[in-house]
N, C-alpha and C. Protein backbone atom coordinates (compact mmCIF):
# COMPACT_ATOMS: atom_id res chain seq x y z
N MET A 1 59.17 115.46 64.28
CA MET A 1 60.37 115.05 64.85
C MET A 1 60.77 115.40 66.14
N LYS A 2 61.34 114.66 67.02
CA LYS A 2 61.76 115.16 68.40
C LYS A 2 62.76 116.05 68.43
N HIS A 3 62.75 117.11 69.36
CA HIS A 3 63.68 118.08 69.51
C HIS A 3 65.03 117.34 70.11
N PRO A 4 66.21 117.61 69.74
CA PRO A 4 67.37 116.94 70.17
C PRO A 4 67.49 116.62 71.53
N SER A 5 66.96 117.63 72.31
CA SER A 5 67.25 117.65 73.75
C SER A 5 66.28 116.41 74.31
N LYS A 6 65.29 115.98 73.56
CA LYS A 6 64.32 114.91 73.90
C LYS A 6 64.84 113.54 73.47
N ARG A 7 66.01 113.54 72.72
CA ARG A 7 66.47 112.20 72.43
C ARG A 7 67.06 111.43 73.36
N ILE A 8 67.09 110.02 73.11
CA ILE A 8 67.58 109.18 74.04
C ILE A 8 69.12 109.14 74.20
N ASP A 9 69.65 109.13 75.34
CA ASP A 9 71.12 109.15 75.62
C ASP A 9 71.76 107.85 75.23
N LEU A 10 72.57 107.92 74.17
CA LEU A 10 73.21 106.66 73.70
C LEU A 10 74.58 106.23 74.46
N THR A 11 74.91 107.13 75.31
CA THR A 11 76.28 107.04 75.86
C THR A 11 76.49 105.58 76.48
N THR A 12 77.47 105.02 76.25
CA THR A 12 77.96 103.52 76.70
C THR A 12 77.28 102.54 75.94
N GLN A 13 76.23 102.78 75.09
CA GLN A 13 75.78 101.84 74.30
C GLN A 13 76.66 101.41 73.03
N ARG A 14 76.32 100.06 72.79
CA ARG A 14 77.24 99.63 71.66
C ARG A 14 76.43 99.02 70.47
N TYR A 15 77.16 99.47 69.21
CA TYR A 15 76.36 99.01 67.95
C TYR A 15 77.46 98.43 67.25
N GLN A 16 77.25 97.17 66.78
CA GLN A 16 78.36 96.45 66.03
C GLN A 16 79.80 96.63 66.66
N SER A 17 80.79 97.32 66.00
CA SER A 17 82.07 97.35 66.67
C SER A 17 82.31 98.63 67.44
N TRP A 18 81.30 99.32 67.33
CA TRP A 18 81.22 100.82 67.96
C TRP A 18 80.72 100.87 69.22
N THR A 19 81.38 101.72 70.14
CA THR A 19 80.65 102.08 71.40
C THR A 19 80.55 103.68 71.46
N VAL A 20 79.34 104.11 71.90
CA VAL A 20 79.15 105.64 72.06
C VAL A 20 79.85 106.11 73.24
N ILE A 21 80.79 107.03 73.05
CA ILE A 21 81.44 107.39 74.26
C ILE A 21 81.01 108.76 74.88
N SER A 22 80.48 109.61 74.16
CA SER A 22 79.94 110.90 74.69
C SER A 22 79.16 111.65 73.61
N TYR A 23 78.33 112.56 74.13
CA TYR A 23 77.54 113.48 73.23
C TYR A 23 78.55 114.38 72.59
N ALA A 24 78.30 114.60 71.28
CA ALA A 24 79.12 115.55 70.44
C ALA A 24 78.35 116.87 70.30
N TYR A 25 77.25 116.92 69.64
CA TYR A 25 76.61 118.24 69.41
C TYR A 25 75.37 117.93 68.63
N ALA A 26 74.38 118.88 68.34
CA ALA A 26 73.25 118.70 67.85
C ALA A 26 73.17 119.63 66.62
N LYS A 27 72.71 119.17 65.48
CA LYS A 27 72.59 120.07 64.22
C LYS A 27 71.47 119.61 63.27
N ALA A 28 70.50 120.64 62.81
CA ALA A 28 69.52 120.41 61.96
C ALA A 28 68.63 119.16 62.57
N ASN A 29 68.32 119.64 63.93
CA ASN A 29 67.26 118.57 64.62
C ASN A 29 68.02 117.10 64.65
N ARG A 30 69.26 116.96 64.62
CA ARG A 30 69.90 115.53 64.69
C ARG A 30 70.88 115.69 65.76
N VAL A 31 71.00 114.64 66.57
CA VAL A 31 72.02 114.53 67.61
C VAL A 31 73.22 113.75 67.31
N TYR A 32 74.35 114.20 67.34
CA TYR A 32 75.69 113.42 67.05
C TYR A 32 76.41 113.03 68.22
N TRP A 33 77.11 111.85 68.00
CA TRP A 33 77.81 111.26 69.07
C TRP A 33 79.31 110.95 68.81
N ASN A 34 80.21 111.06 69.83
CA ASN A 34 81.43 110.55 69.74
C ASN A 34 81.53 109.11 69.91
N CYS A 35 81.99 108.40 68.81
CA CYS A 35 82.05 106.83 68.89
C CYS A 35 83.39 106.33 68.72
N LEU A 36 83.63 105.21 69.39
CA LEU A 36 85.04 104.49 69.39
C LEU A 36 84.86 103.09 68.87
N CYS A 37 85.64 102.77 67.99
CA CYS A 37 85.57 101.39 67.47
C CYS A 37 86.55 100.47 68.12
N ASP A 38 86.32 99.15 68.11
CA ASP A 38 87.14 98.31 68.78
C ASP A 38 88.64 98.47 68.33
N CYS A 39 88.87 98.81 67.19
CA CYS A 39 90.24 98.94 66.70
C CYS A 39 90.90 100.17 67.20
N GLY A 40 90.12 101.13 67.72
CA GLY A 40 90.67 102.35 68.21
C GLY A 40 90.44 103.66 67.43
N ALA A 41 89.86 103.39 66.33
CA ALA A 41 89.45 104.56 65.51
C ALA A 41 88.21 105.23 65.99
N THR A 42 88.17 106.65 65.76
CA THR A 42 86.96 107.37 66.56
C THR A 42 86.27 107.93 65.28
N ARG A 43 85.07 108.45 65.51
CA ARG A 43 84.18 109.01 64.59
C ARG A 43 82.92 109.64 65.12
N ILE A 44 82.58 110.67 64.55
CA ILE A 44 81.31 111.46 65.14
C ILE A 44 80.14 111.00 64.23
N MET A 45 79.09 110.39 64.73
CA MET A 45 77.98 109.90 63.95
C MET A 45 76.55 110.38 64.66
N PRO A 46 75.75 110.74 63.72
CA PRO A 46 74.41 111.04 64.24
C PRO A 46 73.62 109.76 64.70
N SER A 47 72.56 109.74 65.47
CA SER A 47 72.05 108.82 66.22
C SER A 47 71.47 107.69 65.33
N ASP A 48 70.70 108.21 64.06
CA ASP A 48 70.20 107.19 63.29
C ASP A 48 71.18 106.45 62.66
N THR A 49 72.35 107.05 62.37
CA THR A 49 73.46 106.15 61.60
C THR A 49 74.03 105.21 62.65
N VAL A 50 74.46 105.62 63.77
CA VAL A 50 74.94 104.60 64.79
C VAL A 50 74.16 103.38 65.05
N GLN A 51 72.86 103.74 65.22
CA GLN A 51 71.75 102.69 65.62
C GLN A 51 71.49 101.97 64.60
N ASN A 52 71.84 102.08 63.19
CA ASN A 52 71.52 101.26 62.26
C ASN A 52 72.67 100.79 61.40
N LEU A 53 73.92 100.64 62.05
CA LEU A 53 75.14 100.26 61.47
C LEU A 53 74.84 98.91 60.89
N LYS A 54 75.36 98.61 59.74
CA LYS A 54 75.40 97.15 59.21
C LYS A 54 76.59 96.48 59.24
N ASN A 55 77.59 97.17 59.03
CA ASN A 55 78.93 96.53 59.07
C ASN A 55 79.70 96.42 60.46
N HIS A 56 80.28 95.37 60.88
CA HIS A 56 80.75 95.06 62.13
C HIS A 56 82.19 95.63 62.36
N TYR A 57 82.75 96.59 61.40
CA TYR A 57 83.94 97.05 61.46
C TYR A 57 83.97 98.45 60.82
N CYS A 58 85.06 99.28 61.01
CA CYS A 58 85.14 100.63 60.39
C CYS A 58 86.07 100.41 59.11
N LYS A 59 86.43 101.56 58.47
CA LYS A 59 87.17 101.48 57.33
C LYS A 59 88.67 101.19 57.76
N ASP A 60 88.97 101.66 59.15
CA ASP A 60 90.32 101.35 59.51
C ASP A 60 90.56 99.87 59.92
N CYS A 61 89.57 99.13 60.34
CA CYS A 61 89.63 97.62 60.55
C CYS A 61 88.97 96.84 59.57
N LYS A 62 88.67 97.34 58.57
CA LYS A 62 87.93 96.53 57.40
C LYS A 62 88.76 95.16 57.13
N PRO A 63 87.99 94.28 56.75
CA PRO A 63 88.80 92.77 56.64
C PRO A 63 89.91 93.00 55.62
N ARG A 64 90.96 92.49 56.06
CA ARG A 64 92.13 92.63 55.08
C ARG A 64 92.68 91.18 54.94
N ASN A 65 92.32 90.32 55.79
CA ASN A 65 92.64 88.87 55.68
C ASN A 65 94.12 88.81 55.46
N ASP A 66 94.98 89.49 56.26
CA ASP A 66 96.33 89.43 56.20
C ASP A 66 96.64 87.90 56.58
N ILE A 67 97.49 87.21 55.87
CA ILE A 67 97.92 85.77 56.15
C ILE A 67 99.43 85.79 55.95
N ILE A 68 99.98 85.37 57.06
CA ILE A 68 101.37 85.23 57.18
C ILE A 68 101.74 83.70 57.43
N LEU A 69 102.84 83.33 56.85
CA LEU A 69 103.43 82.09 57.14
C LEU A 69 104.42 82.16 58.27
N ALA A 70 104.32 81.16 59.20
CA ALA A 70 105.13 81.46 60.45
C ALA A 70 106.47 81.46 60.24
N HIS A 71 107.01 80.47 59.15
CA HIS A 71 108.50 80.41 58.90
C HIS A 71 109.03 81.74 58.36
N THR A 72 108.23 82.84 57.94
CA THR A 72 108.69 84.12 57.59
C THR A 72 108.91 85.10 58.71
N LEU A 73 108.58 84.67 59.72
CA LEU A 73 108.91 85.41 61.20
C LEU A 73 110.34 85.05 61.51
N ASN A 74 110.90 86.06 62.30
CA ASN A 74 112.29 85.82 63.02
C ASN A 74 111.74 84.96 64.28
N ASP A 75 113.02 84.46 64.89
CA ASP A 75 112.66 83.66 66.05
C ASP A 75 111.96 84.27 67.25
N GLU A 76 112.28 85.53 67.50
CA GLU A 76 111.61 86.40 68.42
C GLU A 76 110.19 86.53 68.14
N GLN A 77 109.84 86.98 66.90
CA GLN A 77 108.48 87.24 66.59
C GLN A 77 107.64 85.94 66.62
N LEU A 78 108.24 84.83 66.35
CA LEU A 78 107.69 83.52 66.38
C LEU A 78 107.39 83.12 67.84
N ARG A 79 108.42 83.30 68.60
CA ARG A 79 108.10 83.14 70.21
C ARG A 79 106.99 83.82 70.76
N LEU A 80 106.99 85.02 70.35
CA LEU A 80 105.81 85.99 71.02
C LEU A 80 104.50 85.48 70.55
N VAL A 81 104.43 85.31 69.23
CA VAL A 81 103.10 84.83 68.57
C VAL A 81 102.76 83.58 69.08
N THR A 82 103.62 82.57 69.17
CA THR A 82 103.14 81.10 69.61
C THR A 82 102.93 81.14 71.25
N HIS A 83 103.31 82.10 71.87
CA HIS A 83 102.97 82.24 73.21
C HIS A 83 101.83 83.21 73.58
N GLY A 84 101.11 83.67 72.47
CA GLY A 84 99.84 84.34 72.54
C GLY A 84 99.90 85.81 72.99
N VAL A 85 101.06 86.47 72.77
CA VAL A 85 101.26 87.83 73.29
C VAL A 85 100.47 88.62 72.48
N LYS A 86 99.48 89.41 73.00
CA LYS A 86 98.49 90.25 72.36
C LYS A 86 99.16 91.68 71.96
N GLY A 87 98.61 92.26 71.00
CA GLY A 87 99.14 93.62 70.69
C GLY A 87 99.97 93.65 69.47
N LEU A 88 100.36 92.37 68.87
CA LEU A 88 101.34 92.21 67.80
C LEU A 88 100.79 92.58 66.48
N TYR A 89 99.67 92.17 66.30
CA TYR A 89 99.01 92.32 64.84
C TYR A 89 97.56 92.59 65.14
N LYS A 90 96.97 92.97 64.02
CA LYS A 90 95.51 93.23 63.93
C LYS A 90 94.82 92.60 62.67
N ASN A 91 93.67 91.83 62.73
CA ASN A 91 93.08 91.12 61.74
C ASN A 91 94.19 90.44 60.91
N THR A 92 94.98 89.55 61.73
CA THR A 92 95.98 88.77 60.87
C THR A 92 95.89 87.30 61.17
N PHE A 93 96.27 86.49 60.38
CA PHE A 93 96.25 85.09 60.51
C PHE A 93 97.55 84.54 60.15
N ILE A 94 98.25 83.85 61.12
CA ILE A 94 99.58 83.43 60.89
C ILE A 94 99.53 81.90 60.96
N ILE A 95 99.93 81.20 59.86
CA ILE A 95 99.84 79.79 59.78
C ILE A 95 101.07 79.12 60.26
N ALA A 96 100.93 78.27 61.26
CA ALA A 96 102.07 77.60 61.85
C ALA A 96 101.75 76.06 61.93
N GLY A 97 101.81 75.42 60.69
CA GLY A 97 101.57 73.99 60.68
C GLY A 97 100.01 73.83 60.75
N ARG A 98 99.56 72.97 61.65
CA ARG A 98 98.26 72.62 61.87
C ARG A 98 97.40 73.57 62.57
N VAL A 99 98.22 74.71 63.10
CA VAL A 99 97.54 75.67 63.90
C VAL A 99 97.60 77.04 63.40
N VAL A 100 96.62 77.99 63.53
CA VAL A 100 96.60 79.28 63.07
C VAL A 100 96.51 80.11 64.29
N TYR A 101 97.55 81.00 64.39
CA TYR A 101 97.57 81.91 65.53
C TYR A 101 97.03 83.31 64.91
N ALA A 102 95.86 83.72 65.41
CA ALA A 102 95.13 84.89 64.76
C ALA A 102 95.05 86.01 65.68
N TYR A 103 94.85 87.20 65.22
CA TYR A 103 94.52 88.37 65.85
C TYR A 103 93.47 89.13 65.58
N THR A 104 92.67 89.46 66.59
CA THR A 104 91.40 90.27 66.45
C THR A 104 91.61 91.68 66.08
N SER A 105 90.44 92.30 65.76
CA SER A 105 90.59 93.87 65.50
C SER A 105 91.06 94.49 66.73
N ASN A 106 90.79 94.01 67.99
CA ASN A 106 91.51 94.77 69.02
C ASN A 106 92.62 93.98 69.50
N GLU A 107 93.28 93.39 68.69
CA GLU A 107 94.70 92.97 68.75
C GLU A 107 94.97 91.70 69.96
N GLU A 108 93.84 90.90 70.21
CA GLU A 108 93.95 89.76 70.93
C GLU A 108 94.34 88.47 70.20
N CYS A 109 95.21 87.77 70.72
CA CYS A 109 95.48 86.56 70.09
C CYS A 109 94.70 85.37 70.33
N PHE A 110 94.24 84.62 69.25
CA PHE A 110 93.49 83.42 69.56
C PHE A 110 94.02 82.38 68.59
N ILE A 111 93.54 81.06 68.81
CA ILE A 111 93.99 79.99 67.96
C ILE A 111 92.84 79.10 67.35
N PHE A 112 93.12 78.48 66.28
CA PHE A 112 92.06 77.54 65.67
C PHE A 112 93.00 76.74 64.69
N ASP A 113 92.19 75.51 64.25
CA ASP A 113 93.04 74.59 63.41
C ASP A 113 92.98 75.13 62.04
N THR A 114 94.11 75.04 61.29
CA THR A 114 94.48 75.49 60.02
C THR A 114 93.34 75.13 58.89
N ASP A 115 92.78 73.96 59.04
CA ASP A 115 91.73 73.50 58.32
C ASP A 115 90.37 74.23 58.22
N ASP A 116 90.31 75.21 59.27
CA ASP A 116 89.02 75.96 59.41
C ASP A 116 89.45 77.46 58.94
N LEU A 117 90.57 77.73 58.37
CA LEU A 117 91.04 79.12 57.96
C LEU A 117 90.23 79.57 56.95
N GLU A 118 89.68 78.71 55.97
CA GLU A 118 88.83 79.37 54.97
C GLU A 118 87.63 80.07 55.30
N LYS A 119 87.00 79.43 56.31
CA LYS A 119 85.55 80.01 56.89
C LYS A 119 85.93 81.14 57.81
N VAL A 120 86.84 80.99 58.59
CA VAL A 120 87.14 82.12 59.60
C VAL A 120 87.64 83.39 59.20
N LYS A 121 88.54 83.31 58.05
CA LYS A 121 89.07 84.33 57.45
C LYS A 121 88.09 85.41 56.80
N LYS A 122 86.90 85.04 56.60
CA LYS A 122 85.84 85.74 55.81
C LYS A 122 85.35 86.78 56.72
N HIS A 123 85.65 86.81 57.97
CA HIS A 123 85.09 87.73 58.97
C HIS A 123 86.10 88.59 59.82
N VAL A 124 85.69 89.66 60.42
CA VAL A 124 86.59 90.37 61.28
C VAL A 124 86.22 89.89 62.59
N TRP A 125 87.11 89.45 63.48
CA TRP A 125 86.85 89.03 64.76
C TRP A 125 87.24 89.99 65.92
N ARG A 126 86.69 90.10 67.13
CA ARG A 126 87.17 90.96 68.04
C ARG A 126 86.89 90.20 69.44
N ARG A 127 87.77 90.56 70.27
CA ARG A 127 87.67 89.82 71.74
C ARG A 127 86.43 90.43 72.39
N LYS A 128 85.59 89.71 73.11
CA LYS A 128 84.64 90.14 73.76
C LYS A 128 84.42 89.58 75.10
N GLU A 129 84.16 90.44 76.11
CA GLU A 129 83.93 89.83 77.45
C GLU A 129 82.36 89.27 77.62
N MET A 130 82.39 87.98 78.12
CA MET A 130 81.15 87.46 78.55
C MET A 130 81.18 86.44 79.69
N ARG A 131 80.47 86.63 80.70
CA ARG A 131 80.39 85.57 81.79
C ARG A 131 81.73 85.47 82.59
N GLY A 132 82.41 86.71 82.53
CA GLY A 132 83.80 86.71 83.15
C GLY A 132 84.99 86.14 82.43
N GLY A 133 84.73 85.87 81.28
CA GLY A 133 85.78 85.45 80.30
C GLY A 133 85.89 86.20 78.92
N TRP A 134 87.09 85.90 78.16
CA TRP A 134 87.09 86.33 76.93
C TRP A 134 86.78 85.38 75.74
N TYR A 135 85.95 86.01 74.95
CA TYR A 135 85.33 85.31 73.77
C TYR A 135 85.93 85.88 72.43
N VAL A 136 85.78 85.10 71.44
CA VAL A 136 86.12 85.60 70.15
C VAL A 136 84.89 85.79 69.28
N ALA A 137 84.48 87.00 68.90
CA ALA A 137 83.13 87.13 68.26
C ALA A 137 83.27 87.91 67.01
N THR A 138 82.19 87.87 66.23
CA THR A 138 81.88 88.63 64.95
C THR A 138 80.47 88.72 64.62
N ILE A 139 80.08 89.42 63.58
CA ILE A 139 78.64 89.37 63.04
C ILE A 139 78.40 88.63 61.80
N ILE A 140 77.59 87.55 61.85
CA ILE A 140 77.17 86.67 60.81
C ILE A 140 75.76 86.90 60.62
N GLY A 141 75.27 87.24 59.40
CA GLY A 141 73.77 87.40 59.17
C GLY A 141 73.09 88.29 60.17
N GLY A 142 73.86 89.41 60.39
CA GLY A 142 73.27 90.31 61.22
C GLY A 142 73.30 89.95 62.77
N LYS A 143 73.74 88.79 63.11
CA LYS A 143 73.68 88.46 64.54
C LYS A 143 75.19 88.16 65.15
N GLU A 144 75.27 88.48 66.40
CA GLU A 144 76.56 88.29 66.88
C GLU A 144 76.81 86.81 67.04
N THR A 145 77.99 86.35 66.73
CA THR A 145 78.32 84.90 66.56
C THR A 145 79.72 84.59 67.30
N TYR A 146 79.88 83.62 67.94
CA TYR A 146 81.06 83.28 68.56
C TYR A 146 81.81 82.44 67.46
N LEU A 147 83.33 82.48 67.72
CA LEU A 147 84.10 81.64 66.82
C LEU A 147 83.75 80.00 67.09
N HIS A 148 83.54 79.71 68.14
CA HIS A 148 83.56 78.33 68.59
C HIS A 148 81.97 77.64 67.89
N THR A 149 81.00 78.62 67.81
CA THR A 149 79.81 78.21 67.26
C THR A 149 80.00 77.96 65.65
N LEU A 150 80.91 78.93 65.08
CA LEU A 150 81.11 78.65 63.67
C LEU A 150 81.96 77.39 63.32
N ILE A 151 83.00 77.23 64.18
CA ILE A 151 84.04 76.00 64.03
C ILE A 151 83.15 74.71 63.99
N MET A 152 82.28 74.73 65.07
CA MET A 152 81.39 73.48 65.25
C MET A 152 80.10 73.59 64.39
N ASN A 153 80.09 74.30 63.54
CA ASN A 153 78.81 74.45 62.66
C ASN A 153 77.56 74.43 63.33
N ASN A 154 77.41 75.14 64.45
CA ASN A 154 76.41 75.47 65.25
C ASN A 154 75.71 76.75 65.33
N LEU A 155 75.65 77.36 64.06
CA LEU A 155 75.26 78.82 63.98
C LEU A 155 73.77 79.01 64.52
N ALA A 156 72.99 77.83 64.39
CA ALA A 156 71.61 77.82 64.84
C ALA A 156 71.56 77.73 66.31
N ARG A 157 72.61 77.47 66.99
CA ARG A 157 72.86 77.26 68.34
C ARG A 157 71.83 76.15 68.88
N GLU A 158 71.66 75.12 68.16
CA GLU A 158 70.84 74.23 68.63
C GLU A 158 71.34 73.21 69.79
N LYS A 159 72.83 73.32 69.70
CA LYS A 159 73.38 72.58 70.92
C LYS A 159 74.37 73.46 71.69
N ARG A 160 74.75 73.06 72.89
CA ARG A 160 75.71 73.82 73.62
C ARG A 160 77.20 73.43 73.40
N VAL A 161 77.98 74.27 73.18
CA VAL A 161 79.48 73.96 72.87
C VAL A 161 80.27 74.44 74.03
N ASP A 162 81.27 73.34 74.59
CA ASP A 162 81.92 73.56 75.75
C ASP A 162 83.43 73.65 75.35
N HIS A 163 84.27 74.65 75.88
CA HIS A 163 85.55 74.61 75.69
C HIS A 163 86.28 73.71 76.84
N ILE A 164 86.70 72.57 76.49
CA ILE A 164 87.22 71.59 77.37
C ILE A 164 88.02 72.18 78.18
N ASN A 165 89.24 72.88 77.71
CA ASN A 165 90.13 73.36 78.66
C ASN A 165 89.90 74.83 79.32
N ARG A 166 88.60 75.25 79.11
CA ARG A 166 88.03 76.58 79.61
C ARG A 166 88.66 77.79 78.94
N ASN A 167 89.45 77.55 78.08
CA ASN A 167 90.10 78.74 77.48
C ASN A 167 89.46 79.12 76.18
N LYS A 168 88.59 80.18 76.22
CA LYS A 168 87.70 80.73 75.16
C LYS A 168 88.58 81.21 74.00
N LEU A 169 89.78 81.44 74.14
CA LEU A 169 90.60 81.86 72.95
C LEU A 169 91.21 80.86 72.28
N ASP A 170 91.08 79.56 72.58
CA ASP A 170 91.57 78.39 72.19
C ASP A 170 90.29 77.72 71.43
N ASN A 171 90.41 77.65 70.07
CA ASN A 171 89.17 77.16 69.36
C ASN A 171 89.57 76.07 68.39
N ARG A 172 90.63 75.25 68.84
CA ARG A 172 90.87 74.02 68.08
C ARG A 172 89.80 73.12 68.30
N LYS A 173 89.45 72.35 67.34
CA LYS A 173 88.34 71.32 67.57
C LYS A 173 88.58 70.42 68.55
N SER A 174 89.89 70.21 68.89
CA SER A 174 90.30 69.19 69.88
C SER A 174 89.99 69.73 71.21
N THR A 175 89.71 70.97 71.30
CA THR A 175 89.31 71.57 72.74
C THR A 175 87.84 71.99 72.77
N LEU A 176 87.14 71.57 71.75
CA LEU A 176 85.62 71.85 71.79
C LEU A 176 84.72 70.63 71.85
N ARG A 177 83.80 70.64 72.27
CA ARG A 177 82.85 69.39 72.45
C ARG A 177 81.42 69.89 72.52
N TYR A 178 80.49 69.17 72.17
CA TYR A 178 79.06 69.29 72.52
C TYR A 178 78.83 68.90 74.02
N CYS A 179 78.10 69.48 74.62
CA CYS A 179 77.85 69.07 75.97
C CYS A 179 76.47 69.47 76.53
N THR A 180 76.05 68.94 77.66
CA THR A 180 74.78 69.42 78.36
C THR A 180 75.25 70.53 79.42
N LEU A 181 74.12 71.23 79.77
CA LEU A 181 74.37 72.35 80.55
C LEU A 181 75.01 71.98 81.86
N GLN A 182 74.61 70.70 82.35
CA GLN A 182 75.19 70.22 83.76
C GLN A 182 76.55 69.89 83.52
N LYS A 183 77.01 69.32 82.41
CA LYS A 183 78.50 69.10 82.22
C LYS A 183 79.29 70.39 82.15
N ASN A 184 78.71 71.30 81.32
CA ASN A 184 79.29 72.63 81.26
C ASN A 184 79.53 73.28 82.54
N ALA A 185 78.68 73.20 83.57
CA ALA A 185 78.71 73.78 84.92
C ALA A 185 79.74 73.13 85.71
N PHE A 186 79.94 71.78 85.46
CA PHE A 186 81.07 71.04 86.25
C PHE A 186 82.37 71.25 85.66
N ASN A 187 82.67 72.03 84.57
CA ASN A 187 83.89 72.26 84.03
C ASN A 187 84.39 73.69 84.56
N PRO A 188 85.33 73.65 85.63
CA PRO A 188 85.77 74.97 86.27
C PRO A 188 86.68 75.72 85.27
N GLY A 189 86.51 77.19 85.30
CA GLY A 189 86.94 77.97 84.38
C GLY A 189 88.30 78.45 84.71
N LEU A 190 88.96 79.19 83.78
CA LEU A 190 90.20 79.74 84.03
C LEU A 190 90.22 80.99 84.73
N PRO A 191 91.29 81.42 85.43
CA PRO A 191 91.24 82.74 86.08
C PRO A 191 90.92 83.77 85.12
N ARG A 192 90.34 85.09 85.53
CA ARG A 192 90.16 86.18 84.60
C ARG A 192 91.37 86.59 84.03
N THR A 193 92.50 86.58 84.82
CA THR A 193 93.76 87.06 84.21
C THR A 193 94.32 86.29 83.06
N ASN A 194 93.85 84.94 82.91
CA ASN A 194 94.44 84.01 81.87
C ASN A 194 94.04 84.63 80.57
N THR A 195 94.99 84.60 79.58
CA THR A 195 94.80 84.96 78.25
C THR A 195 94.75 83.64 77.40
N LEU A 196 95.63 83.34 76.59
CA LEU A 196 95.66 82.01 75.86
C LEU A 196 95.85 80.92 76.80
N GLY A 197 96.69 81.03 77.82
CA GLY A 197 96.83 79.93 78.81
C GLY A 197 97.55 78.88 78.35
N TYR A 198 98.46 78.90 77.25
CA TYR A 198 99.13 77.69 76.81
C TYR A 198 100.59 78.29 76.48
N LYS A 199 101.42 77.31 76.41
CA LYS A 199 102.77 77.58 75.93
C LYS A 199 102.85 77.08 74.32
N ARG A 200 103.74 77.38 73.63
CA ARG A 200 103.77 76.96 72.18
C ARG A 200 103.36 75.61 71.92
N ILE A 201 102.50 75.61 70.86
CA ILE A 201 102.02 74.38 70.32
C ILE A 201 102.77 73.84 69.03
N GLN A 202 103.19 72.81 69.20
CA GLN A 202 104.06 72.13 68.21
C GLN A 202 103.07 71.61 66.79
């Protein structure tokens, strides 16, 4: 077994929902690391544990599938939710008619059609940055999966899916389409500062 001083530095590496923040200590020939979950929870874990994590969430952000009906919110709460204000909830699905306003484990708001709720609520979702934009992602079958691929039944990624309005947090089927790489390239994106990019959807 390698001496702890010879181990690979895992700092800044990401495993499931965890990011290795810094070295903690070495004990019994094992190296321990300070780790941070997307939900804000912290934990000290040895190298072999963090590198072989199976779950894409911790006990603090374990799937709770909290479901709220929009009519139970007061007017101000509803206004904030339907305008995509982040930081209000975590791992929560708010049903507002034909649309679900949902919150990731890191408290980002995203939307999808109510008729997709059954398959979406089975997973814990997080906001992930990719190609200069924000996507909604989870782990399915041990692989990182984006919400739009699940919505479009494209888990094998045999086709390219485009967000028509370029808003990666809007995953209603009306805003998604199969497309060619060329068509996707001609669809200009939203600015980096844009979050949901819509006003209340009726």
